Amino acid sequence: MPYMNGLDAAKKIREFDKKVQIIFVSKAAQYAVRGYEVDAVGYALKPVSFFTVSELLNKAIKKLSILEDDYIVFL
């Protein structure tokens, strides 16, 4: 991203929404651990396999199922 890295963007998102499910997708493995700072669902390394995406989305959906909200938004 040209103006902000993913972790900083996730921190900004967390300021407004504590329930949103965040999944990082990057080619930089060294930043994976920092995802815990924003309670990310997971971190996928590029190139991302269908299996990895499926597992992370299932994990996010399970976490959402215990919340009251009835919608999912993919960006």
Protein backbone atom coordinates (compact mmCIF):
# COMPACT_ATOMS: atom_id res chain seq x y z
CA MET A 1 0.00 0.00 0.00
CA PRO A 2 1.46 3.36 -0.93
CA TYR A 3 0.58 5.44 2.15
CA MET A 4 0.38 2.98 5.01
CA ASN A 5 1.50 -0.58 5.72
CA GLY A 6 -0.99 -3.34 6.51
CA LEU A 7 -0.27 -3.41 10.22
CA ASP A 8 -0.84 0.34 10.58
CA ALA A 9 -4.07 0.02 8.57
CA ALA A 10 -5.21 -2.81 10.85
CA LYS A 11 -4.49 -0.69 13.93
CA LYS A 12 -6.62 2.14 12.49
CA ILE A 13 -9.42 -0.32 11.74
CA ARG A 14 -9.24 -1.65 15.31
CA GLU A 15 -9.74 1.89 16.64
CA PHE A 16 -13.22 1.82 15.09
CA ASP A 17 -14.17 -1.84 15.21
CA LYS A 18 -12.93 -4.42 17.70
CA LYS A 19 -14.97 -7.24 16.12
CA VAL A 20 -13.77 -7.06 12.52
CA GLN A 21 -11.86 -10.14 11.37
CA ILE A 22 -8.46 -9.30 9.88
CA ILE A 23 -6.46 -11.66 7.66
CA PHE A 24 -3.06 -10.53 6.43
CA VAL A 25 -1.82 -11.63 3.02
CA SER A 26 1.80 -10.77 2.30
CA LYS A 27 5.06 -12.06 0.88
CA ALA A 28 6.94 -10.91 4.01
CA ALA A 29 7.02 -13.74 6.57
CA GLN A 30 8.94 -11.64 9.10
CA TYR A 31 5.82 -9.59 9.88
CA ALA A 32 3.52 -12.51 10.65
CA VAL A 33 4.01 -12.40 14.43
CA ARG A 34 3.03 -8.72 14.51
CA GLY A 35 -0.48 -9.75 13.48
CA TYR A 36 -1.07 -10.67 17.11
CA GLU A 37 -0.86 -6.96 17.96
CA VAL A 38 -4.20 -6.44 16.23
CA ASP A 39 -5.76 -9.83 17.02
CA ALA A 40 -5.64 -10.95 13.38
CA VAL A 41 -7.31 -14.21 12.40
CA GLY A 42 -4.19 -15.25 10.55
CA TYR A 43 -1.40 -14.49 8.13
CA ALA A 44 -1.12 -16.04 4.68
CA LEU A 45 2.10 -15.99 2.68
CA LYS A 46 1.98 -15.30 -1.06
CA PRO A 47 1.40 -17.15 -3.23
CA VAL A 48 -1.72 -18.14 -1.29
CA SER A 49 -3.24 -21.55 -1.85
CA PHE A 50 -6.97 -22.22 -1.95
CA PHE A 51 -6.59 -24.41 1.14
CA THR A 52 -4.98 -21.58 3.14
CA VAL A 53 -7.68 -19.09 2.16
CA SER A 54 -10.37 -21.63 2.96
CA GLU A 55 -8.93 -22.38 6.40
CA LEU A 56 -8.52 -18.71 7.31
CA LEU A 57 -12.02 -17.80 6.13
CA ASN A 58 -13.52 -20.72 8.06
CA LYS A 59 -11.68 -19.57 11.17
CA ALA A 60 -12.98 -16.01 10.70
CA ILE A 61 -16.54 -17.25 10.13
CA LYS A 62 -16.40 -19.34 13.31
CA LYS A 63 -15.28 -16.28 15.27
CA LEU A 64 -18.08 -14.23 13.70
CA SER A 65 -20.69 -16.86 14.47
CA ILE A 66 -20.41 -16.06 18.18
CA LEU A 67 -21.08 -12.37 17.49
CA GLU A 68 -24.48 -10.81 16.92
CA ASP A 69 -23.73 -9.29 13.51
CA ASP A 70 -25.23 -10.96 10.45
CA TYR A 71 -22.88 -9.83 7.68
CA ILE A 72 -19.41 -10.39 6.23
CA VAL A 73 -17.54 -7.88 4.07
CA PHE A 74 -14.55 -8.82 1.91
CA LEU A 75 -12.14 -6.08 0.82
